[in-house]
Amino acid sequence: MKIGLIGLPNSGKTTIFNALTKMKASVTVYSDAKAEPNVAVVSVDDDRLHSLTNMYKPKKTTGATIEMIDFPGMKEGSAKNGFFAGNSMGWIKSTDALALVVRNFHDD
């Protein structure tokens, strides 16, 4: 499964991405056209799968994975030219779900 994080710049997308993937992607504004999204694959730990593996002892066990994609920030007022910079629209089309990250905090 592929899940994309989208939202305005500085809304917390990369912070959420880092928390979910245990990565250390740089938390900066990177909404320019050349920016590539941060991508990570996370294994899903499933006790049911472990139980079935112990019970049936298959030669190979393949667990579920989630591919997280942290997109560059959408630019405000860019609806005329498309909301997403660079190749992001191609990445977005390949996702199974999008999570909209909405900023709910003030600058310090």
PDB file of N, CA and C in Angstrom:
ATOM      1  N   MET A   1       0.844  -1.169   0.000  1.00  0.00           N
ATOM      2  CA  MET A   1       0.000   0.000   0.000  1.00  0.00           C
ATOM      3  C   MET A   1       0.890   1.233   0.000  1.00  0.00           C
ATOM      4  N   LYS A   2       0.515   2.235  -0.782  1.00  0.00           N
ATOM      5  CA  LYS A   2       1.245   3.505  -0.826  1.00  0.00           C
ATOM      6  C   LYS A   2       0.365   4.604  -0.248  1.00  0.00           C
ATOM      7  N   ILE A   3       0.909   5.329   0.721  1.00  0.00           N
ATOM      8  CA  ILE A   3       0.184   6.435   1.338  1.00  0.00           C
ATOM      9  C   ILE A   3       1.003   7.699   1.153  1.00  0.00           C
ATOM     10  N   GLY A   4       0.386   8.737   0.616  1.00  0.00           N
ATOM     11  CA  GLY A   4       1.059  10.008   0.405  1.00  0.00           C
ATOM     12  C   GLY A   4       0.604  11.049   1.408  1.00  0.00           C
ATOM     13  N   LEU A   5       1.561  11.821   1.927  1.00  0.00           N
ATOM     14  CA  LEU A   5       1.257  12.935   2.829  1.00  0.00           C
ATOM     15  C   LEU A   5       1.323  14.223   2.022  1.00  0.00           C
ATOM     16  N   ILE A   6       0.205  14.962   1.972  1.00  0.00           N
ATOM     17  CA  ILE A   6       0.166  16.212   1.222  1.00  0.00           C
ATOM     18  C   ILE A   6      -0.289  17.340   2.134  1.00  0.00           C
ATOM     19  N   GLY A   7       0.032  18.567   1.743  1.00  0.00           N
ATOM     20  CA  GLY A   7      -0.375  19.737   2.507  1.00  0.00           C
ATOM     21  C   GLY A   7       0.477  20.932   2.133  1.00  0.00           C
ATOM     22  N   LEU A   8       0.177  22.060   2.738  1.00  0.00           N
ATOM     23  CA  LEU A   8       0.937  23.284   2.485  1.00  0.00           C
ATOM     24  C   LEU A   8       2.329  23.177   3.097  1.00  0.00           C
ATOM     25  N   PRO A   9       3.267  24.012   2.640  1.00  0.00           N
ATOM     26  CA  PRO A   9       4.598  24.019   3.261  1.00  0.00           C
ATOM     27  C   PRO A   9       4.499  24.321   4.758  1.00  0.00           C
ATOM     28  N   ASN A  10       5.369  23.719   5.544  1.00  0.00           N
ATOM     29  CA  ASN A  10       5.431  23.920   7.000  1.00  0.00           C
ATOM     30  C   ASN A  10       4.173  23.477   7.737  1.00  0.00           C
ATOM     31  N   SER A  11       3.446  22.505   7.184  1.00  0.00           N
ATOM     32  CA  SER A  11       2.239  22.029   7.867  1.00  0.00           C
ATOM     33  C   SER A  11       2.518  20.843   8.784  1.00  0.00           C
ATOM     34  N   GLY A  12       3.711  20.257   8.696  1.00  0.00           N
ATOM     35  CA  GLY A  12       4.059  19.137   9.561  1.00  0.00           C
ATOM     36  C   GLY A  12       4.129  17.800   8.853  1.00  0.00           C
ATOM     37  N   LYS A  13       4.098  17.805   7.514  1.00  0.00           N
ATOM     38  CA  LYS A  13       4.134  16.551   6.753  1.00  0.00           C
ATOM     39  C   LYS A  13       5.386  15.736   7.054  1.00  0.00           C
ATOM     40  N   THR A  14       6.536  16.376   7.005  1.00  0.00           N
ATOM     41  CA  THR A  14       7.791  15.649   7.212  1.00  0.00           C
ATOM     42  C   THR A  14       7.932  15.195   8.655  1.00  0.00           C
ATOM     43  N   THR A  15       7.427  15.957   9.597  1.00  0.00           N
ATOM     44  CA  THR A  15       7.462  15.541  11.000  1.00  0.00           C
ATOM     45  C   THR A  15       6.637  14.267  11.192  1.00  0.00           C
ATOM     46  N   ILE A  16       5.466  14.213  10.587  1.00  0.00           N
ATOM     47  CA  ILE A  16       4.630  13.011  10.659  1.00  0.00           C
ATOM     48  C   ILE A  16       5.312  11.855   9.931  1.00  0.00           C
ATOM     49  N   PHE A  17       5.880  12.132   8.759  1.00  0.00           N
ATOM     50  CA  PHE A  17       6.615  11.118   7.994  1.00  0.00           C
ATOM     51  C   PHE A  17       7.732  10.516   8.841  1.00  0.00           C
ATOM     52  N   ASN A  18       8.520  11.370   9.490  1.00  0.00           N
ATOM     53  CA  ASN A  18       9.619  10.892  10.338  1.00  0.00           C
ATOM     54  C   ASN A  18       9.109  10.058  11.512  1.00  0.00           C
ATOM     55  N   ALA A  19       7.997  10.471  12.108  1.00  0.00           N
ATOM     56  CA  ALA A  19       7.437   9.735  13.250  1.00  0.00           C
ATOM     57  C   ALA A  19       6.934   8.350  12.830  1.00  0.00           C
ATOM     58  N   LEU A  20       6.310   8.258  11.669  1.00  0.00           N
ATOM     59  CA  LEU A  20       5.751   6.984  11.209  1.00  0.00           C
ATOM     60  C   LEU A  20       6.803   6.027  10.660  1.00  0.00           C
ATOM     61  N   THR A  21       7.876   6.575  10.094  1.00  0.00           N
ATOM     62  CA  THR A  21       8.872   5.733   9.428  1.00  0.00           C
ATOM     63  C   THR A  21      10.169   5.577  10.215  1.00  0.00           C
ATOM     64  N   LYS A  22      10.310   6.313  11.312  1.00  0.00           N
ATOM     65  CA  LYS A  22      11.546   6.332  12.105  1.00  0.00           C
ATOM     66  C   LYS A  22      12.742   6.811  11.281  1.00  0.00           C
ATOM     67  N   MET A  23      12.456   7.637  10.277  1.00  0.00           N
ATOM     68  CA  MET A  23      13.507   8.228   9.446  1.00  0.00           C
ATOM     69  C   MET A  23      13.910   9.567  10.054  1.00  0.00           C
ATOM     70  N   LYS A  24      14.904  10.182   9.465  1.00  0.00           N
ATOM     71  CA  LYS A  24      15.352  11.499   9.912  1.00  0.00           C
ATOM     72  C   LYS A  24      15.446  12.441   8.715  1.00  0.00           C
ATOM     73  N   ALA A  25      14.365  12.516   7.942  1.00  0.00           N
ATOM     74  CA  ALA A  25      14.333  13.414   6.786  1.00  0.00           C
ATOM     75  C   ALA A  25      14.399  14.851   7.282  1.00  0.00           C
ATOM     76  N   SER A  26      15.089  15.678   6.530  1.00  0.00           N
ATOM     77  CA  SER A  26      15.254  17.080   6.906  1.00  0.00           C
ATOM     78  C   SER A  26      13.905  17.793   6.901  1.00  0.00           C
ATOM     79  N   VAL A  27      13.617  18.493   7.976  1.00  0.00           N
ATOM     80  CA  VAL A  27      12.358  19.228   8.108  1.00  0.00           C
ATOM     81  C   VAL A  27      12.616  20.661   7.671  1.00  0.00           C
ATOM     82  N   THR A  28      12.410  20.911   6.371  1.00  0.00           N
ATOM     83  CA  THR A  28      12.624  22.238   5.796  1.00  0.00           C
ATOM     84  C   THR A  28      11.543  22.500   4.771  1.00  0.00           C
ATOM     85  N   VAL A  29      11.508  23.724   4.283  1.00  0.00           N
ATOM     86  CA  VAL A  29      10.592  24.059   3.201  1.00  0.00           C
ATOM     87  C   VAL A  29      11.264  23.643   1.905  1.00  0.00           C
ATOM     88  N   TYR A  30      10.672  22.695   1.200  1.00  0.00           N
ATOM     89  CA  TYR A  30      11.249  22.281  -0.074  1.00  0.00           C
ATOM     90  C   TYR A  30      10.162  22.193  -1.129  1.00  0.00           C
ATOM     91  N   SER A  31       9.465  23.294  -1.343  1.00  0.00           N
ATOM     92  CA  SER A  31       8.346  23.294  -2.282  1.00  0.00           C
ATOM     93  C   SER A  31       8.756  23.774  -3.671  1.00  0.00           C
ATOM     94  N   ASP A  32      10.061  23.659  -4.009  1.00  0.00           N
ATOM     95  CA  ASP A  32      10.458  24.076  -5.347  1.00  0.00           C
ATOM     96  C   ASP A  32      10.227  22.954  -6.353  1.00  0.00           C
ATOM     97  N   ALA A  33      10.308  23.290  -7.631  1.00  0.00           N
ATOM     98  CA  ALA A  33       9.960  22.346  -8.696  1.00  0.00           C
ATOM     99  C   ALA A  33      10.916  21.167  -8.789  1.00  0.00           C
ATOM    100  N   LYS A  34      12.131  21.306  -8.289  1.00  0.00           N
ATOM    101  CA  LYS A  34      13.126  20.241  -8.414  1.00  0.00           C
ATOM    102  C   LYS A  34      13.107  19.277  -7.236  1.00  0.00           C
ATOM    103  N   ALA A  35      12.337  19.578  -6.224  1.00  0.00           N
ATOM    104  CA  ALA A  35      12.320  18.738  -5.020  1.00  0.00           C
ATOM    105  C   ALA A  35      11.658  17.396  -5.311  1.00  0.00           C
ATOM    106  N   GLU A  36      12.262  16.349  -4.784  1.00  0.00           N
ATOM    107  CA  GLU A  36      11.697  15.007  -4.875  1.00  0.00           C
ATOM    108  C   GLU A  36      11.093  14.655  -3.518  1.00  0.00           C
ATOM    109  N   PRO A  37      10.031  13.870  -3.515  1.00  0.00           N
ATOM    110  CA  PRO A  37       9.428  13.500  -2.233  1.00  0.00           C
ATOM    111  C   PRO A  37      10.332  12.568  -1.429  1.00  0.00           C
ATOM    112  N   ASN A  38      10.162  12.585  -0.109  1.00  0.00           N
ATOM    113  CA  ASN A  38      10.820  11.610   0.762  1.00  0.00           C
ATOM    114  C   ASN A  38      10.007  10.323   0.677  1.00  0.00           C
ATOM    115  N   VAL A  39      10.690   9.188   0.563  1.00  0.00           N
ATOM    116  CA  VAL A  39      10.011   7.898   0.429  1.00  0.00           C
ATOM    117  C   VAL A  39      10.624   6.907   1.412  1.00  0.00           C
ATOM    118  N   ALA A  40       9.781   6.134   2.075  1.00  0.00           N
ATOM    119  CA  ALA A  40      10.254   5.082   2.980  1.00  0.00           C
ATOM    120  C   ALA A  40       9.261   3.927   2.957  1.00  0.00           C
ATOM    121  N   VAL A  41       9.774   2.720   3.142  1.00  0.00           N
ATOM    122  CA  VAL A  41       8.932   1.531   3.221  1.00  0.00           C
ATOM    123  C   VAL A  41       8.971   1.027   4.657  1.00  0.00           C
ATOM    124  N   VAL A  42       7.792   0.836   5.232  1.00  0.00           N
ATOM    125  CA  VAL A  42       7.663   0.418   6.626  1.00  0.00           C
ATOM    126  C   VAL A  42       7.021  -0.966   6.671  1.00  0.00           C
ATOM    127  N   SER A  43       7.623  -1.875   7.414  1.00  0.00           N
ATOM    128  CA  SER A  43       7.041  -3.209   7.605  1.00  0.00           C
ATOM    129  C   SER A  43       5.938  -3.130   8.653  1.00  0.00           C
ATOM    130  N   VAL A  44       4.858  -3.857   8.398  1.00  0.00           N
ATOM    131  CA  VAL A  44       3.732  -3.889   9.326  1.00  0.00           C
ATOM    132  C   VAL A  44       3.860  -5.147  10.182  1.00  0.00           C
ATOM    133  N   ASP A  45       4.012  -4.963  11.478  1.00  0.00           N
ATOM    134  CA  ASP A  45       4.111  -6.098  12.394  1.00  0.00           C
ATOM    135  C   ASP A  45       2.700  -6.617  12.673  1.00  0.00           C
ATOM    136  N   ASP A  46       2.485  -7.904  12.404  1.00  0.00           N
ATOM    137  CA  ASP A  46       1.147  -8.481  12.529  1.00  0.00           C
ATOM    138  C   ASP A  46       1.229  -9.782  13.329  1.00  0.00           C
ATOM    139  N   ASP A  47       0.689  -9.764  14.531  1.00  0.00           N
ATOM    140  CA  ASP A  47       0.708 -10.954  15.390  1.00  0.00           C
ATOM    141  C   ASP A  47      -0.033 -12.132  14.763  1.00  0.00           C
ATOM    142  N   ARG A  48      -1.074 -11.846  13.988  1.00  0.00           N
ATOM    143  CA  ARG A  48      -1.819 -12.927  13.329  1.00  0.00           C
ATOM    144  C   ARG A  48      -0.931 -13.661  12.328  1.00  0.00           C
ATOM    145  N   LEU A  49      -0.115 -12.900  11.594  1.00  0.00           N
ATOM    146  CA  LEU A  49       0.806 -13.512  10.638  1.00  0.00           C
ATOM    147  C   LEU A  49       1.844 -14.364  11.358  1.00  0.00           C
ATOM    148  N   HIS A  50       2.349 -13.871  12.483  1.00  0.00           N
ATOM    149  CA  HIS A  50       3.316 -14.640  13.271  1.00  0.00           C
ATOM    150  C   HIS A  50       2.691 -15.947  13.771  1.00  0.00           C
ATOM    151  N   SER A  51       1.458 -15.883  14.220  1.00  0.00           N
ATOM    152  CA  SER A  51       0.768 -17.090  14.704  1.00  0.00           C
ATOM    153  C   SER A  51       0.586 -18.113  13.591  1.00  0.00           C
ATOM    154  N   LEU A  52       0.156 -17.643  12.422  1.00  0.00           N
ATOM    155  CA  LEU A  52      -0.033 -18.553  11.290  1.00  0.00           C
ATOM    156  C   LEU A  52       1.291 -19.145  10.819  1.00  0.00           C
ATOM    157  N   THR A  53       2.346 -18.338  10.841  1.00  0.00           N
ATOM    158  CA  THR A  53       3.670 -18.827  10.451  1.00  0.00           C
ATOM    159  C   THR A  53       4.138 -19.915  11.407  1.00  0.00           C
ATOM    160  N   ASN A  54       3.938 -19.707  12.702  1.00  0.00           N
ATOM    161  CA  ASN A  54       4.320 -20.719  13.695  1.00  0.00           C
ATOM    162  C   ASN A  54       3.488 -21.991  13.564  1.00  0.00           C
ATOM    163  N   MET A  55       2.228 -21.822  13.173  1.00  0.00           N
ATOM    164  CA  MET A  55       1.324 -22.957  13.070  1.00  0.00           C
ATOM    165  C   MET A  55       1.623 -23.811  11.825  1.00  0.00           C
ATOM    166  N   TYR A  56       1.811 -23.159  10.659  1.00  0.00           N
ATOM    167  CA  TYR A  56       1.935 -23.891   9.395  1.00  0.00           C
ATOM    168  C   TYR A  56       3.374 -24.040   8.899  1.00  0.00           C
ATOM    169  N   LYS A  57       4.305 -23.287   9.454  1.00  0.00           N
ATOM    170  CA  LYS A  57       5.728 -23.362   9.115  1.00  0.00           C
ATOM    171  C   LYS A  57       5.992 -23.313   7.597  1.00  0.00           C
ATOM    172  N   PRO A  58       5.564 -22.241   6.925  1.00  0.00           N
ATOM    173  CA  PRO A  58       5.821 -22.141   5.479  1.00  0.00           C
ATOM    174  C   PRO A  58       7.313 -21.910   5.206  1.00  0.00           C
ATOM    175  N   LYS A  59       7.734 -22.174   3.958  1.00  0.00           N
ATOM    176  CA  LYS A  59       9.130 -21.938   3.579  1.00  0.00           C
ATOM    177  C   LYS A  59       9.458 -20.449   3.620  1.00  0.00           C
ATOM    178  N   LYS A  60       8.473 -19.630   3.289  1.00  0.00           N
ATOM    179  CA  LYS A  60       8.691 -18.183   3.246  1.00  0.00           C
ATOM    180  C   LYS A  60       7.459 -17.469   3.792  1.00  0.00           C
ATOM    181  N   THR A  61       7.698 -16.426   4.551  1.00  0.00           N
ATOM    182  CA  THR A  61       6.612 -15.585   5.060  1.00  0.00           C
ATOM    183  C   THR A  61       6.875 -14.154   4.616  1.00  0.00           C
ATOM    184  N   THR A  62       5.892 -13.560   3.978  1.00  0.00           N
ATOM    185  CA  THR A  62       6.030 -12.182   3.516  1.00  0.00           C
ATOM    186  C   THR A  62       4.978 -11.333   4.209  1.00  0.00           C
ATOM    187  N   GLY A  63       5.436 -10.403   5.016  1.00  0.00           N
ATOM    188  CA  GLY A  63       4.525  -9.515   5.722  1.00  0.00           C
ATOM    189  C   GLY A  63       4.121  -8.327   4.870  1.00  0.00           C
ATOM    190  N   ALA A  64       3.135  -7.624   5.336  1.00  0.00           N
ATOM    191  CA  ALA A  64       2.654  -6.435   4.641  1.00  0.00           C
ATOM    192  C   ALA A  64       3.629  -5.280   4.836  1.00  0.00           C
ATOM    193  N   THR A  65       3.670  -4.399   3.846  1.00  0.00           N
ATOM    194  CA  THR A  65       4.481  -3.186   3.947  1.00  0.00           C
ATOM    195  C   THR A  65       3.634  -1.990   3.536  1.00  0.00           C
ATOM    196  N   ILE A  66       4.016  -0.848   4.034  1.00  0.00           N
ATOM    197  CA  ILE A  66       3.386   0.411   3.644  1.00  0.00           C
ATOM    198  C   ILE A  66       4.487   1.323   3.133  1.00  0.00           C
ATOM    199  N   GLU A  67       4.286   1.862   1.943  1.00  0.00           N
ATOM    200  CA  GLU A  67       5.228   2.836   1.393  1.00  0.00           C
ATOM    201  C   GLU A  67       4.682   4.227   1.711  1.00  0.00           C
ATOM    202  N   MET A  68       5.446   4.980   2.479  1.00  0.00           N
ATOM    203  CA  MET A  68       5.053   6.341   2.854  1.00  0.00           C
ATOM    204  C   MET A  68       5.766   7.323   1.930  1.00  0.00           C
ATOM    205  N   ILE A  69       5.027   8.290   1.413  1.00  0.00           N
ATOM    206  CA  ILE A  69       5.598   9.303   0.529  1.00  0.00           C
ATOM    207  C   ILE A  69       5.264  10.673   1.102  1.00  0.00           C
ATOM    208  N   ASP A  70       6.299  11.447   1.384  1.00  0.00           N
ATOM    209  CA  ASP A  70       6.168  12.801   1.929  1.00  0.00           C
ATOM    210  C   ASP A  70       6.401  13.780   0.783  1.00  0.00           C
ATOM    211  N   PHE A  71       5.315  14.367   0.275  1.00  0.00           N
ATOM    212  CA  PHE A  71       5.407  15.246  -0.888  1.00  0.00           C
ATOM    213  C   PHE A  71       5.860  16.651  -0.512  1.00  0.00           C
ATOM    214  N   PRO A  72       6.532  17.341  -1.450  1.00  0.00           N
ATOM    215  CA  PRO A  72       6.840  18.757  -1.222  1.00  0.00           C
ATOM    216  C   PRO A  72       5.538  19.524  -1.010  1.00  0.00           C
ATOM    217  N   GLY A  73       5.608  20.621  -0.278  1.00  0.00           N
ATOM    218  CA  GLY A  73       4.411  21.405   0.026  1.00  0.00           C
ATOM    219  C   GLY A  73       3.732  21.978  -1.200  1.00  0.00           C
ATOM    220  N   MET A  74       2.397  21.969  -1.168  1.00  0.00           N
ATOM    221  CA  MET A  74       1.625  22.601  -2.232  1.00  0.00           C
ATOM    222  C   MET A  74       1.786  24.104  -2.072  1.00  0.00           C
ATOM    223  N   LYS A  75       1.886  24.798  -3.186  1.00  0.00           N
ATOM    224  CA  LYS A  75       2.033  26.248  -3.126  1.00  0.00           C
ATOM    225  C   LYS A  75       0.654  26.892  -3.116  1.00  0.00           C
ATOM    226  N   GLU A  76       0.450  27.826  -2.208  1.00  0.00           N
ATOM    227  CA  GLU A  76      -0.828  28.532  -2.155  1.00  0.00           C
ATOM    228  C   GLU A  76      -1.032  29.317  -3.448  1.00  0.00           C
ATOM    229  N   GLY A  77      -2.253  29.300  -3.957  1.00  0.00           N
ATOM    230  CA  GLY A  77      -2.584  30.064  -5.148  1.00  0.00           C
ATOM    231  C   GLY A  77      -2.062  29.456  -6.434  1.00  0.00           C
ATOM    232  N   SER A  78      -1.658  28.212  -6.402  1.00  0.00           N
ATOM    233  CA  SER A  78      -1.084  27.603  -7.602  1.00  0.00           C
ATOM    234  C   SER A  78      -2.084  26.719  -8.352  1.00  0.00           C
ATOM    235  N   ALA A  79      -3.359  26.889  -8.086  1.00  0.00           N
ATOM    236  CA  ALA A  79      -4.369  26.039  -8.723  1.00  0.00           C
ATOM    237  C   ALA A  79      -4.371  26.198 -10.242  1.00  0.00           C
ATOM    238  N   LYS A  80      -3.984  27.360 -10.726  1.00  0.00           N
ATOM    239  CA  LYS A  80      -3.972  27.583 -12.175  1.00  0.00           C
ATOM    240  C   LYS A  80      -2.953  26.691 -12.870  1.00  0.00           C
ATOM    241  N   ASN A  81      -1.813  26.483 -12.236  1.00  0.00           N
ATOM    242  CA  ASN A  81      -0.734  25.701 -12.840  1.00  0.00           C
ATOM    243  C   ASN A  81      -0.645  24.295 -12.269  1.00  0.00           C
ATOM    244  N   GLY A  82      -1.568  23.899 -11.464  1.00  0.00           N
ATOM    245  CA  GLY A  82      -1.493  22.607 -10.779  1.00  0.00           C
ATOM    246  C   GLY A  82      -0.909  22.834  -9.398  1.00  0.00           C
ATOM    247  N   PHE A  83      -1.419  22.141  -8.417  1.00  0.00           N
ATOM    248  CA  PHE A  83      -0.994  22.355  -7.034  1.00  0.00           C
ATOM    249  C   PHE A  83       0.399  21.839  -6.739  1.00  0.00           C
ATOM    250  N   PHE A  84       0.862  20.868  -7.504  1.00  0.00           N
ATOM    251  CA  PHE A  84       2.086  20.182  -7.131  1.00  0.00           C
ATOM    252  C   PHE A  84       3.221  20.504  -8.082  1.00  0.00           C
ATOM    253  N   ALA A  85       4.412  20.672  -7.514  1.00  0.00           N
ATOM    254  CA  ALA A  85       5.590  21.029  -8.283  1.00  0.00           C
ATOM    255  C   ALA A  85       6.221  19.794  -8.916  1.00  0.00           C
ATOM    256  N   GLY A  86       6.911  20.003 -10.030  1.00  0.00           N
ATOM    257  CA  GLY A  86       7.733  18.957 -10.637  1.00  0.00           C
ATOM    258  C   GLY A  86       6.964  17.701 -10.985  1.00  0.00           C
ATOM    259  N   ASN A  87       7.553  16.562 -10.646  1.00  0.00           N
ATOM    260  CA  ASN A  87       6.985  15.255 -10.985  1.00  0.00           C
ATOM    261  C   ASN A  87       6.021  14.728  -9.931  1.00  0.00           C
ATOM    262  N   SER A  88       5.630  15.565  -8.992  1.00  0.00           N
ATOM    263  CA  SER A  88       4.808  15.089  -7.879  1.00  0.00           C
ATOM    264  C   SER A  88       3.478  14.501  -8.325  1.00  0.00           C
ATOM    265  N   MET A  89       2.883  15.033  -9.388  1.00  0.00           N
ATOM    266  CA  MET A  89       1.580  14.519  -9.821  1.00  0.00           C
ATOM    267  C   MET A  89       1.685  13.051 -10.243  1.00  0.00           C
ATOM    268  N   GLY A  90       2.770  12.669 -10.881  1.00  0.00           N
ATOM    269  CA  GLY A  90       2.972  11.264 -11.237  1.00  0.00           C
ATOM    270  C   GLY A  90       3.064  10.380 -10.005  1.00  0.00           C
ATOM    271  N   TRP A  91       3.778  10.877  -8.978  1.00  0.00           N
ATOM    272  CA  TRP A  91       3.881  10.136  -7.715  1.00  0.00           C
ATOM    273  C   TRP A  91       2.501  10.013  -7.068  1.00  0.00           C
ATOM    274  N   ILE A  92       1.743  11.110  -7.091  1.00  0.00           N
ATOM    275  CA  ILE A  92       0.429  11.121  -6.442  1.00  0.00           C
ATOM    276  C   ILE A  92      -0.513  10.119  -7.105  1.00  0.00           C
ATOM    277  N   LYS A  93      -0.458  10.029  -8.415  1.00  0.00           N
ATOM    278  CA  LYS A  93      -1.318   9.082  -9.131  1.00  0.00           C
ATOM    279  C   LYS A  93      -1.031   7.637  -8.736  1.00  0.00           C
ATOM    280  N   SER A  94       0.185   7.368  -8.280  1.00  0.00           N
ATOM    281  CA  SER A  94       0.553   5.991  -7.930  1.00  0.00           C
ATOM    282  C   SER A  94       0.176   5.610  -6.499  1.00  0.00           C
ATOM    283  N   THR A  95      -0.335   6.555  -5.710  1.00  0.00           N
ATOM    284  CA  THR A  95      -0.670   6.243  -4.318  1.00  0.00           C
ATOM    285  C   THR A  95      -2.039   5.568  -4.209  1.00  0.00           C
ATOM    286  N   ASP A  96      -2.208   4.829  -3.120  1.00  0.00           N
ATOM    287  CA  ASP A  96      -3.500   4.209  -2.820  1.00  0.00           C
ATOM    288  C   ASP A  96      -4.354   5.110  -1.939  1.00  0.00           C
ATOM    289  N   ALA A  97      -3.697   5.979  -1.173  1.00  0.00           N
ATOM    290  CA  ALA A  97      -4.414   6.886  -0.272  1.00  0.00           C
ATOM    291  C   ALA A  97      -3.585   8.151  -0.083  1.00  0.00           C
ATOM    292  N   LEU A  98      -4.270   9.255   0.146  1.00  0.00           N
ATOM    293  CA  LEU A  98      -3.613  10.521   0.457  1.00  0.00           C
ATOM    294  C   LEU A  98      -4.081  10.994   1.823  1.00  0.00           C
ATOM    295  N   ALA A  99      -3.137  11.455   2.617  1.00  0.00           N
ATOM    296  CA  ALA A  99      -3.462  12.027   3.922  1.00  0.00           C
ATOM    297  C   ALA A  99      -3.153  13.515   3.851  1.00  0.00           C
ATOM    298  N   LEU A 100      -4.159  14.338   4.034  1.00  0.00           N
ATOM    299  CA  LEU A 100      -3.983  15.784   4.012  1.00  0.00           C
ATOM    300  C   LEU A 100      -3.564  16.244   5.396  1.00  0.00           C
ATOM    301  N   VAL A 101      -2.379  16.838   5.485  1.00  0.00           N
ATOM    302  CA  VAL A 101      -1.861  17.341   6.758  1.00  0.00           C
ATOM    303  C   VAL A 101      -2.200  18.825   6.832  1.00  0.00           C
ATOM    304  N   VAL A 102      -2.974  19.197   7.845  1.00  0.00           N
ATOM    305  CA  VAL A 102      -3.431  20.572   8.016  1.00  0.00           C
ATOM    306  C   VAL A 102      -2.728  21.184   9.218  1.00  0.00           C
ATOM    307  N   ARG A 103      -2.122  22.316   9.004  1.00  0.00           N
ATOM    308  CA  ARG A 103      -1.395  23.002  10.069  1.00  0.00           C
ATOM    309  C   ARG A 103      -2.384  23.562  11.091  1.00  0.00           C
ATOM    310  N   ASN A 104      -2.140  23.275  12.371  1.00  0.00           N
ATOM    311  CA  ASN A 104      -2.996  23.776  13.438  1.00  0.00           C
ATOM    312  C   ASN A 104      -2.143  24.328  14.574  1.00  0.00           C
ATOM    313  N   PHE A 105      -1.125  25.116  14.212  1.00  0.00           N
ATOM    314  CA  PHE A 105      -0.252  25.728  15.209  1.00  0.00           C
ATOM    315  C   PHE A 105       0.277  27.039  14.651  1.00  0.00           C
ATOM    316  N   HIS A 106       0.771  27.889  15.530  1.00  0.00           N
ATOM    317  CA  HIS A 106       1.304  29.193  15.145  1.00  0.00           C
ATOM    318  C   HIS A 106       2.821  29.164  15.157  1.00  0.00           C
ATOM    319  N   ASP A 107       3.438  30.084  14.395  1.00  0.00           N
ATOM    320  CA  ASP A 107       4.890  30.235  14.454  1.00  0.00           C
ATOM    321  C   ASP A 107       5.284  30.743  15.822  1.00  0.00           C
ATOM    322  N   ASP A 108       6.446  30.310  16.284  1.00  0.00           N
ATOM    323  CA  ASP A 108       6.952  30.794  17.577  1.00  0.00           C
ATOM    324  C   ASP A 108       7.635  32.126  17.424  1.00  0.00           C
TER     325      ASP A 108
END
